[in-house]
Amino acid sequence: MADFRREIGPDELLARYSYLFSDDLKDYPILDLACGDGHNGIFLASKGFSVVLTDSSEEALSQARANAQAAGVTVQFRQVNLEQEGVNLLEGLTFSAVLVFRYLHRPLIPFITKSLKQGGILMYETFTTEQTRFGKPKNPDHLLKAGELFSWFHDWEMIYAFEGIIGVPPKAIAQLVCRKA
């Protein structure tokens, strides 16, 4: 049963649902897609999970490496162009969980779906088209349409879902935590 009680701030989602990351998710690594400074994946690595941090930015991965070292955790790093046309960067890989925060590239959705193991956790949060009222990003390619995120995973077990305006300064986001059925 999905939890629709209240919105969760952008930096609270993983902490609130970290209890979902149990030992049965340790058989495959966790993918932190477009990881930025890696703080989400590093948090899970500190809990004993194998984590793969991916980003297209060497600068972001350098910061993630420094953050992982400071946290005393070992993670894998992959610098990849996540938007390379016609290439499935996740081909043949299986993950126990996939984390996506503040990133959207629609062609990756089928690959994310396929690479997640049965019973695996997807945690996704990014901006919606309403965000243009508040600032960046403004490119519609990087903004979810109303209900779009939920439509991609409608047949999965919904644990938490939210779409709307939160925070100060305001941000228009969609958040989803679900389990692959």
N, C-alpha and C. Protein backbone atom coordinates (compact mmCIF):
# COMPACT_ATOMS: atom_id res chain seq x y z
N MET A 1 0.85 -1.18 0.00
CA MET A 1 0.00 0.00 0.00
C MET A 1 0.89 1.24 0.00
N ALA A 2 0.62 2.14 -0.87
CA ALA A 2 1.44 3.35 -0.99
C ALA A 2 1.19 4.31 0.16
N ASP A 3 2.23 5.04 0.50
CA ASP A 3 2.18 6.04 1.56
C ASP A 3 1.98 7.40 0.90
N PHE A 4 0.81 8.00 1.07
CA PHE A 4 0.51 9.29 0.46
C PHE A 4 0.23 10.35 1.54
N ARG A 5 0.71 10.14 2.75
CA ARG A 5 0.35 11.00 3.87
C ARG A 5 0.84 12.43 3.73
N ARG A 6 2.09 12.62 3.36
CA ARG A 6 2.61 13.98 3.26
C ARG A 6 3.81 13.97 2.33
N GLU A 7 4.13 15.15 1.85
CA GLU A 7 5.31 15.27 1.01
C GLU A 7 6.56 15.13 1.86
N ILE A 8 7.62 14.68 1.23
CA ILE A 8 8.91 14.51 1.90
C ILE A 8 9.90 15.40 1.19
N GLY A 9 10.65 16.16 1.93
CA GLY A 9 11.63 17.06 1.35
C GLY A 9 12.65 16.33 0.49
N PRO A 10 13.25 17.05 -0.45
CA PRO A 10 14.18 16.44 -1.39
C PRO A 10 15.35 15.71 -0.73
N ASP A 11 15.78 16.13 0.44
CA ASP A 11 16.90 15.46 1.08
C ASP A 11 16.46 14.44 2.13
N GLU A 12 15.18 14.18 2.22
CA GLU A 12 14.66 13.27 3.23
C GLU A 12 14.22 11.92 2.67
N LEU A 13 14.02 11.81 1.37
CA LEU A 13 13.40 10.63 0.79
C LEU A 13 14.18 9.35 1.11
N LEU A 14 15.47 9.34 0.85
CA LEU A 14 16.27 8.15 1.09
C LEU A 14 16.31 7.82 2.58
N ALA A 15 16.50 8.82 3.42
CA ALA A 15 16.55 8.57 4.87
C ALA A 15 15.23 7.98 5.36
N ARG A 16 14.13 8.52 4.89
CA ARG A 16 12.80 8.05 5.34
C ARG A 16 12.54 6.60 4.94
N TYR A 17 13.01 6.21 3.75
CA TYR A 17 12.73 4.86 3.26
C TYR A 17 13.95 3.95 3.26
N SER A 18 14.96 4.30 4.05
CA SER A 18 16.16 3.46 4.11
C SER A 18 15.86 2.08 4.69
N TYR A 19 14.78 1.95 5.46
CA TYR A 19 14.43 0.65 6.02
C TYR A 19 14.12 -0.38 4.93
N LEU A 20 13.81 0.07 3.72
CA LEU A 20 13.54 -0.85 2.61
C LEU A 20 14.80 -1.58 2.15
N PHE A 21 15.95 -1.02 2.47
CA PHE A 21 17.22 -1.59 2.02
C PHE A 21 17.68 -2.62 3.04
N SER A 22 17.12 -3.82 2.90
CA SER A 22 17.38 -4.92 3.82
C SER A 22 18.39 -5.88 3.20
N ASP A 23 18.76 -6.89 3.96
CA ASP A 23 19.78 -7.85 3.50
C ASP A 23 19.40 -8.56 2.21
N ASP A 24 18.11 -8.69 1.91
CA ASP A 24 17.72 -9.36 0.67
C ASP A 24 18.04 -8.51 -0.57
N LEU A 25 18.53 -7.29 -0.36
CA LEU A 25 18.96 -6.45 -1.49
C LEU A 25 20.49 -6.43 -1.62
N LYS A 26 21.16 -7.34 -0.92
CA LYS A 26 22.62 -7.35 -0.97
C LYS A 26 23.17 -8.33 -2.01
N ASP A 27 22.29 -9.01 -2.75
CA ASP A 27 22.78 -9.97 -3.74
C ASP A 27 23.30 -9.30 -5.01
N TYR A 28 22.86 -8.09 -5.29
CA TYR A 28 23.34 -7.31 -6.43
C TYR A 28 23.64 -5.90 -5.95
N PRO A 29 24.49 -5.18 -6.68
CA PRO A 29 24.79 -3.81 -6.26
C PRO A 29 23.60 -2.87 -6.43
N ILE A 30 23.72 -1.73 -5.80
CA ILE A 30 22.76 -0.64 -5.94
C ILE A 30 23.36 0.37 -6.91
N LEU A 31 22.55 0.84 -7.84
CA LEU A 31 22.99 1.82 -8.82
C LEU A 31 22.50 3.21 -8.42
N ASP A 32 23.42 4.14 -8.29
CA ASP A 32 23.08 5.55 -8.08
C ASP A 32 23.36 6.23 -9.41
N LEU A 33 22.30 6.44 -10.17
CA LEU A 33 22.38 6.93 -11.55
C LEU A 33 22.43 8.45 -11.57
N ALA A 34 23.40 9.00 -12.28
CA ALA A 34 23.62 10.45 -12.31
C ALA A 34 23.83 10.92 -10.87
N CYS A 35 24.82 10.35 -10.24
CA CYS A 35 25.00 10.43 -8.78
C CYS A 35 25.44 11.78 -8.26
N GLY A 36 25.94 12.67 -9.10
CA GLY A 36 26.44 13.94 -8.59
C GLY A 36 27.55 13.71 -7.59
N ASP A 37 27.44 14.28 -6.39
CA ASP A 37 28.50 14.12 -5.39
C ASP A 37 28.46 12.77 -4.68
N GLY A 38 27.49 11.94 -5.04
CA GLY A 38 27.44 10.56 -4.55
C GLY A 38 26.87 10.36 -3.17
N HIS A 39 26.32 11.40 -2.54
CA HIS A 39 25.92 11.27 -1.14
C HIS A 39 24.85 10.20 -0.90
N ASN A 40 23.96 9.99 -1.86
CA ASN A 40 22.93 8.96 -1.66
C ASN A 40 23.52 7.55 -1.68
N GLY A 41 24.32 7.27 -2.70
CA GLY A 41 24.96 5.96 -2.77
C GLY A 41 25.93 5.73 -1.64
N ILE A 42 26.66 6.75 -1.24
CA ILE A 42 27.61 6.64 -0.14
C ILE A 42 26.88 6.33 1.17
N PHE A 43 25.72 6.93 1.37
CA PHE A 43 24.90 6.61 2.54
C PHE A 43 24.60 5.11 2.59
N LEU A 44 24.20 4.53 1.45
CA LEU A 44 23.88 3.10 1.44
C LEU A 44 25.13 2.24 1.54
N ALA A 45 26.23 2.69 0.97
CA ALA A 45 27.50 1.96 1.12
C ALA A 45 27.90 1.91 2.58
N SER A 46 27.62 2.97 3.33
CA SER A 46 27.95 3.00 4.76
C SER A 46 27.10 2.00 5.54
N LYS A 47 26.01 1.53 4.94
CA LYS A 47 25.14 0.52 5.56
C LYS A 47 25.51 -0.89 5.10
N GLY A 48 26.63 -1.02 4.36
CA GLY A 48 27.11 -2.34 3.95
C GLY A 48 26.69 -2.80 2.58
N PHE A 49 26.10 -1.92 1.78
CA PHE A 49 25.68 -2.30 0.44
C PHE A 49 26.78 -2.06 -0.58
N SER A 50 26.83 -2.90 -1.59
CA SER A 50 27.70 -2.68 -2.74
C SER A 50 27.00 -1.64 -3.61
N VAL A 51 27.73 -0.57 -3.99
CA VAL A 51 27.13 0.55 -4.70
C VAL A 51 27.97 0.92 -5.91
N VAL A 52 27.27 1.22 -7.01
CA VAL A 52 27.91 1.72 -8.22
C VAL A 52 27.42 3.16 -8.42
N LEU A 53 28.35 4.10 -8.44
CA LEU A 53 28.04 5.50 -8.68
C LEU A 53 28.36 5.82 -10.13
N THR A 54 27.37 6.31 -10.88
CA THR A 54 27.59 6.67 -12.28
C THR A 54 27.24 8.13 -12.49
N ASP A 55 28.04 8.77 -13.32
CA ASP A 55 27.75 10.13 -13.73
C ASP A 55 28.56 10.39 -14.99
N SER A 56 28.11 11.37 -15.75
CA SER A 56 28.85 11.74 -16.96
C SER A 56 29.93 12.77 -16.66
N SER A 57 29.86 13.40 -15.51
CA SER A 57 30.77 14.47 -15.14
C SER A 57 31.95 13.95 -14.33
N GLU A 58 33.15 14.14 -14.84
CA GLU A 58 34.35 13.77 -14.08
C GLU A 58 34.46 14.61 -12.82
N GLU A 59 34.05 15.86 -12.90
CA GLU A 59 34.09 16.74 -11.72
C GLU A 59 33.19 16.19 -10.61
N ALA A 60 31.98 15.77 -10.98
CA ALA A 60 31.06 15.19 -9.98
C ALA A 60 31.65 13.92 -9.39
N LEU A 61 32.22 13.06 -10.24
CA LEU A 61 32.79 11.81 -9.73
C LEU A 61 34.02 12.05 -8.86
N SER A 62 34.79 13.09 -9.16
CA SER A 62 35.93 13.44 -8.30
C SER A 62 35.44 13.82 -6.90
N GLN A 63 34.36 14.60 -6.86
CA GLN A 63 33.78 14.97 -5.57
C GLN A 63 33.22 13.73 -4.87
N ALA A 64 32.58 12.84 -5.63
CA ALA A 64 32.05 11.61 -5.05
C ALA A 64 33.17 10.73 -4.49
N ARG A 65 34.29 10.65 -5.21
CA ARG A 65 35.44 9.88 -4.71
C ARG A 65 35.92 10.45 -3.37
N ALA A 66 36.05 11.77 -3.32
CA ALA A 66 36.49 12.42 -2.09
C ALA A 66 35.49 12.17 -0.96
N ASN A 67 34.21 12.24 -1.27
CA ASN A 67 33.17 12.00 -0.26
C ASN A 67 33.20 10.56 0.24
N ALA A 68 33.40 9.60 -0.68
CA ALA A 68 33.46 8.18 -0.30
C ALA A 68 34.68 7.94 0.59
N GLN A 69 35.80 8.54 0.21
CA GLN A 69 37.01 8.37 1.01
C GLN A 69 36.81 8.96 2.40
N ALA A 70 36.21 10.14 2.47
CA ALA A 70 35.96 10.78 3.77
C ALA A 70 35.01 9.94 4.63
N ALA A 71 34.07 9.26 3.98
CA ALA A 71 33.11 8.41 4.71
C ALA A 71 33.69 7.04 5.04
N GLY A 72 34.85 6.73 4.46
CA GLY A 72 35.49 5.44 4.73
C GLY A 72 34.79 4.27 4.07
N VAL A 73 34.18 4.51 2.91
CA VAL A 73 33.47 3.43 2.21
C VAL A 73 34.10 3.18 0.84
N THR A 74 33.90 1.97 0.37
CA THR A 74 34.36 1.59 -0.96
C THR A 74 33.15 1.48 -1.86
N VAL A 75 33.20 2.18 -2.98
CA VAL A 75 32.14 2.10 -3.99
C VAL A 75 32.81 2.00 -5.36
N GLN A 76 32.06 1.57 -6.34
CA GLN A 76 32.54 1.54 -7.72
C GLN A 76 32.13 2.85 -8.40
N PHE A 77 32.98 3.33 -9.28
CA PHE A 77 32.70 4.56 -10.02
C PHE A 77 32.71 4.25 -11.50
N ARG A 78 31.72 4.80 -12.21
CA ARG A 78 31.67 4.65 -13.67
C ARG A 78 31.32 6.00 -14.28
N GLN A 79 32.27 6.53 -15.05
CA GLN A 79 31.97 7.75 -15.81
C GLN A 79 31.41 7.31 -17.14
N VAL A 80 30.16 7.65 -17.38
CA VAL A 80 29.48 7.23 -18.61
C VAL A 80 28.62 8.37 -19.12
N ASN A 81 28.50 8.44 -20.43
CA ASN A 81 27.57 9.37 -21.06
C ASN A 81 26.20 8.72 -21.00
N LEU A 82 25.39 9.14 -20.06
CA LEU A 82 24.08 8.52 -19.84
C LEU A 82 23.10 8.80 -20.97
N GLU A 83 23.43 9.75 -21.82
CA GLU A 83 22.52 10.14 -22.88
C GLU A 83 23.03 9.77 -24.27
N GLN A 84 23.95 8.82 -24.33
CA GLN A 84 24.48 8.35 -25.60
C GLN A 84 23.39 7.61 -26.35
N GLU A 85 23.06 8.10 -27.52
CA GLU A 85 21.96 7.55 -28.30
C GLU A 85 22.24 6.13 -28.77
N GLY A 86 21.22 5.29 -28.67
CA GLY A 86 21.30 3.94 -29.20
C GLY A 86 22.15 2.99 -28.39
N VAL A 87 22.56 3.37 -27.19
CA VAL A 87 23.42 2.52 -26.36
C VAL A 87 22.72 2.27 -25.03
N ASN A 88 22.61 1.01 -24.66
CA ASN A 88 22.08 0.64 -23.35
C ASN A 88 23.25 0.44 -22.41
N LEU A 89 23.53 1.43 -21.60
CA LEU A 89 24.67 1.38 -20.68
C LEU A 89 24.47 0.37 -19.55
N LEU A 90 23.25 -0.11 -19.40
CA LEU A 90 22.94 -1.05 -18.34
C LEU A 90 22.79 -2.48 -18.86
N GLU A 91 23.06 -2.70 -20.13
CA GLU A 91 22.90 -4.00 -20.77
C GLU A 91 23.62 -5.09 -19.99
N GLY A 92 22.88 -6.14 -19.65
CA GLY A 92 23.46 -7.29 -18.98
C GLY A 92 23.73 -7.09 -17.49
N LEU A 93 23.38 -5.93 -16.95
CA LEU A 93 23.63 -5.67 -15.53
C LEU A 93 22.34 -5.83 -14.73
N THR A 94 22.49 -6.28 -13.50
CA THR A 94 21.35 -6.42 -12.60
C THR A 94 21.66 -5.67 -11.32
N PHE A 95 20.66 -4.93 -10.83
CA PHE A 95 20.82 -4.15 -9.61
C PHE A 95 19.70 -4.50 -8.64
N SER A 96 20.02 -4.42 -7.35
CA SER A 96 19.02 -4.62 -6.30
C SER A 96 18.16 -3.39 -6.10
N ALA A 97 18.74 -2.24 -6.40
CA ALA A 97 18.01 -0.98 -6.27
C ALA A 97 18.62 0.02 -7.25
N VAL A 98 17.79 0.95 -7.66
CA VAL A 98 18.25 2.05 -8.52
C VAL A 98 17.76 3.35 -7.88
N LEU A 99 18.71 4.28 -7.73
CA LEU A 99 18.41 5.60 -7.19
C LEU A 99 18.59 6.62 -8.31
N VAL A 100 17.61 7.49 -8.49
CA VAL A 100 17.72 8.57 -9.47
C VAL A 100 17.18 9.83 -8.80
N PHE A 101 18.06 10.82 -8.63
CA PHE A 101 17.68 12.08 -8.01
C PHE A 101 18.07 13.23 -8.92
N ARG A 102 17.10 14.09 -9.21
CA ARG A 102 17.32 15.31 -9.99
C ARG A 102 17.94 15.03 -11.36
N TYR A 103 17.42 14.01 -12.02
CA TYR A 103 17.90 13.67 -13.36
C TYR A 103 16.77 13.01 -14.13
N LEU A 104 16.68 13.35 -15.41
CA LEU A 104 15.68 12.73 -16.28
C LEU A 104 16.24 12.62 -17.69
N HIS A 105 16.26 11.39 -18.18
CA HIS A 105 16.53 11.10 -19.58
C HIS A 105 15.60 9.95 -19.94
N ARG A 106 14.48 10.29 -20.53
CA ARG A 106 13.40 9.32 -20.75
C ARG A 106 13.84 8.03 -21.43
N PRO A 107 14.77 8.06 -22.41
CA PRO A 107 15.17 6.80 -23.04
C PRO A 107 15.80 5.79 -22.08
N LEU A 108 16.24 6.21 -20.89
CA LEU A 108 16.82 5.28 -19.93
C LEU A 108 15.78 4.47 -19.15
N ILE A 109 14.55 4.93 -19.13
CA ILE A 109 13.53 4.29 -18.28
C ILE A 109 13.39 2.79 -18.57
N PRO A 110 13.27 2.35 -19.83
CA PRO A 110 13.16 0.90 -20.06
C PRO A 110 14.39 0.13 -19.60
N PHE A 111 15.57 0.75 -19.69
CA PHE A 111 16.80 0.09 -19.27
C PHE A 111 16.87 -0.02 -17.75
N ILE A 112 16.42 1.01 -17.07
CA ILE A 112 16.35 0.97 -15.61
C ILE A 112 15.41 -0.16 -15.19
N THR A 113 14.24 -0.20 -15.81
CA THR A 113 13.25 -1.22 -15.50
C THR A 113 13.80 -2.62 -15.69
N LYS A 114 14.47 -2.83 -16.81
CA LYS A 114 15.00 -4.16 -17.13
C LYS A 114 16.15 -4.56 -16.20
N SER A 115 16.97 -3.61 -15.78
CA SER A 115 18.15 -3.94 -14.98
C SER A 115 17.83 -4.17 -13.50
N LEU A 116 16.67 -3.76 -13.05
CA LEU A 116 16.31 -3.93 -11.64
C LEU A 116 15.78 -5.33 -11.40
N LYS A 117 16.30 -6.00 -10.40
CA LYS A 117 15.88 -7.38 -10.10
C LYS A 117 14.43 -7.39 -9.61
N GLN A 118 13.79 -8.53 -9.73
CA GLN A 118 12.44 -8.71 -9.17
C GLN A 118 12.52 -8.43 -7.68
N GLY A 119 11.61 -7.64 -7.18
CA GLY A 119 11.61 -7.28 -5.77
C GLY A 119 12.55 -6.14 -5.43
N GLY A 120 13.26 -5.62 -6.44
CA GLY A 120 14.19 -4.52 -6.23
C GLY A 120 13.47 -3.20 -6.02
N ILE A 121 14.19 -2.25 -5.46
CA ILE A 121 13.62 -0.95 -5.10
C ILE A 121 14.06 0.12 -6.10
N LEU A 122 13.10 0.91 -6.53
CA LEU A 122 13.39 2.10 -7.33
C LEU A 122 13.01 3.32 -6.50
N MET A 123 13.96 4.25 -6.39
CA MET A 123 13.70 5.51 -5.73
C MET A 123 14.02 6.60 -6.75
N TYR A 124 12.99 7.37 -7.12
CA TYR A 124 13.15 8.35 -8.20
C TYR A 124 12.57 9.68 -7.74
N GLU A 125 13.34 10.74 -7.95
CA GLU A 125 12.86 12.07 -7.63
C GLU A 125 13.46 13.05 -8.63
N THR A 126 12.60 13.81 -9.29
CA THR A 126 13.10 14.84 -10.18
C THR A 126 12.05 15.91 -10.38
N PHE A 127 12.40 16.91 -11.13
CA PHE A 127 11.55 18.08 -11.32
C PHE A 127 10.42 17.83 -12.31
N THR A 128 9.33 18.57 -12.11
CA THR A 128 8.20 18.53 -13.03
C THR A 128 8.16 19.83 -13.83
N THR A 129 7.27 19.87 -14.81
CA THR A 129 7.16 21.06 -15.67
C THR A 129 6.80 22.31 -14.87
N GLU A 130 6.19 22.15 -13.71
CA GLU A 130 5.86 23.30 -12.85
C GLU A 130 7.11 24.02 -12.35
N GLN A 131 8.26 23.36 -12.41
CA GLN A 131 9.50 23.95 -11.90
C GLN A 131 9.87 25.22 -12.66
N THR A 132 9.43 25.37 -13.89
CA THR A 132 9.78 26.56 -14.67
C THR A 132 9.29 27.85 -13.99
N ARG A 133 8.29 27.75 -13.13
CA ARG A 133 7.80 28.90 -12.37
C ARG A 133 8.80 29.37 -11.32
N PHE A 134 9.69 28.46 -10.90
CA PHE A 134 10.57 28.74 -9.77
C PHE A 134 12.04 28.86 -10.14
N GLY A 135 12.41 28.49 -11.34
CA GLY A 135 13.81 28.55 -11.73
C GLY A 135 14.22 27.33 -12.53
N LYS A 136 15.50 27.04 -12.50
CA LYS A 136 16.06 25.93 -13.27
C LYS A 136 15.71 24.61 -12.62
N PRO A 137 15.66 23.54 -13.43
CA PRO A 137 15.82 23.50 -14.88
C PRO A 137 14.57 23.99 -15.59
N LYS A 138 14.75 24.41 -16.83
CA LYS A 138 13.64 24.91 -17.64
C LYS A 138 13.44 24.11 -18.93
N ASN A 139 14.44 23.31 -19.29
CA ASN A 139 14.36 22.52 -20.51
C ASN A 139 13.30 21.42 -20.34
N PRO A 140 12.27 21.40 -21.19
CA PRO A 140 11.21 20.40 -21.04
C PRO A 140 11.70 18.95 -21.16
N ASP A 141 12.85 18.75 -21.79
CA ASP A 141 13.41 17.40 -21.88
C ASP A 141 13.83 16.89 -20.50
N HIS A 142 14.04 17.81 -19.56
CA HIS A 142 14.51 17.44 -18.22
C HIS A 142 13.43 17.60 -17.16
N LEU A 143 12.18 17.78 -17.60
CA LEU A 143 11.07 17.99 -16.68
C LEU A 143 9.95 16.98 -16.94
N LEU A 144 9.47 16.38 -15.87
CA LEU A 144 8.37 15.42 -15.99
C LEU A 144 7.04 16.13 -16.21
N LYS A 145 6.24 15.54 -17.08
CA LYS A 145 4.86 16.00 -17.24
C LYS A 145 4.04 15.46 -16.07
N ALA A 146 2.89 16.06 -15.83
CA ALA A 146 2.02 15.63 -14.74
C ALA A 146 1.71 14.14 -14.86
N GLY A 147 1.96 13.39 -13.80
CA GLY A 147 1.66 11.97 -13.76
C GLY A 147 2.60 11.07 -14.55
N GLU A 148 3.57 11.64 -15.23
CA GLU A 148 4.43 10.84 -16.11
C GLU A 148 5.25 9.79 -15.36
N LEU A 149 5.90 10.18 -14.28
CA LEU A 149 6.73 9.24 -13.53
C LEU A 149 5.90 8.06 -13.04
N PHE A 150 4.73 8.34 -12.50
CA PHE A 150 3.88 7.28 -11.96
C PHE A 150 3.37 6.36 -13.07
N SER A 151 3.14 6.92 -14.25
CA SER A 151 2.62 6.10 -15.35
C SER A 151 3.63 5.05 -15.79
N TRP A 152 4.90 5.34 -15.67
CA TRP A 152 5.93 4.37 -16.08
C TRP A 152 5.98 3.15 -15.17
N PHE A 153 5.60 3.32 -13.94
CA PHE A 153 5.74 2.25 -12.95
C PHE A 153 4.40 1.90 -12.29
N HIS A 154 3.31 2.16 -12.98
CA HIS A 154 1.97 1.99 -12.41
C HIS A 154 1.68 0.57 -11.96
N ASP A 155 2.34 -0.42 -12.56
CA ASP A 155 2.06 -1.81 -12.21
C ASP A 155 3.05 -2.37 -11.18
N TRP A 156 3.86 -1.51 -10.61
CA TRP A 156 4.78 -1.90 -9.55
C TRP A 156 4.13 -1.66 -8.20
N GLU A 157 4.70 -2.22 -7.15
CA GLU A 157 4.19 -1.99 -5.80
C GLU A 157 4.59 -0.57 -5.37
N MET A 158 3.60 0.29 -5.24
CA MET A 158 3.85 1.67 -4.84
C MET A 158 4.01 1.74 -3.32
N ILE A 159 5.11 2.31 -2.89
CA ILE A 159 5.38 2.47 -1.47
C ILE A 159 5.17 3.93 -1.06
N TYR A 160 5.60 4.85 -1.91
CA TYR A 160 5.41 6.27 -1.67
C TYR A 160 5.35 6.97 -3.02
N ALA A 161 4.46 7.93 -3.13
CA ALA A 161 4.35 8.72 -4.35
C ALA A 161 3.89 10.12 -3.98
N PHE A 162 4.52 11.10 -4.60
CA PHE A 162 4.15 12.49 -4.39
C PHE A 162 4.47 13.27 -5.65
N GLU A 163 3.61 14.21 -5.98
CA GLU A 163 3.88 15.15 -7.07
C GLU A 163 3.29 16.48 -6.65
N GLY A 164 4.13 17.52 -6.64
CA GLY A 164 3.64 18.83 -6.26
C GLY A 164 4.77 19.78 -5.94
N ILE A 165 4.43 20.81 -5.18
CA ILE A 165 5.36 21.88 -4.82
C ILE A 165 5.76 21.69 -3.35
N ILE A 166 7.06 21.70 -3.09
CA ILE A 166 7.54 21.58 -1.71
C ILE A 166 8.69 22.54 -1.46
N GLY A 167 8.93 22.80 -0.20
CA GLY A 167 10.14 23.48 0.23
C GLY A 167 10.16 24.97 0.10
N VAL A 168 11.22 25.54 0.68
CA VAL A 168 11.53 26.96 0.59
C VAL A 168 13.01 27.05 0.27
N PRO A 169 13.39 27.55 -0.88
CA PRO A 169 12.52 28.05 -1.94
C PRO A 169 11.73 26.89 -2.56
N PRO A 170 10.60 27.21 -3.17
CA PRO A 170 9.75 26.14 -3.70
C PRO A 170 10.40 25.39 -4.85
N LYS A 171 10.10 24.08 -4.87
CA LYS A 171 10.54 23.20 -5.95
C LYS A 171 9.35 22.37 -6.38
N ALA A 172 9.21 22.19 -7.68
CA ALA A 172 8.14 21.35 -8.22
C ALA A 172 8.75 20.00 -8.56
N ILE A 173 8.36 18.97 -7.82
CA ILE A 173 8.98 17.67 -8.00
C ILE A 173 7.96 16.54 -8.01
N ALA A 174 8.41 15.42 -8.54
CA ALA A 174 7.70 14.15 -8.41
C ALA A 174 8.66 13.22 -7.68
N GLN A 175 8.11 12.46 -6.74
CA GLN A 175 8.89 11.50 -5.97
C GLN A 175 8.18 10.15 -6.03
N LEU A 176 8.98 9.11 -6.16
CA LEU A 176 8.41 7.76 -6.23
C LEU A 176 9.34 6.78 -5.55
N VAL A 177 8.78 5.95 -4.70
CA VAL A 177 9.49 4.82 -4.14
C VAL A 177 8.60 3.62 -4.43
N CYS A 178 9.15 2.64 -5.15
CA CYS A 178 8.35 1.48 -5.51
C CYS A 178 9.22 0.23 -5.58
N ARG A 179 8.56 -0.91 -5.61
CA ARG A 179 9.23 -2.21 -5.67
C ARG A 179 8.80 -2.89 -6.97
N LYS A 180 9.77 -3.43 -7.68
CA LYS A 180 9.47 -4.13 -8.93
C LYS A 180 8.68 -5.39 -8.61
N ALA A 181 7.51 -5.48 -9.19
CA ALA A 181 6.60 -6.61 -8.91
C ALA A 181 7.15 -7.89 -9.53
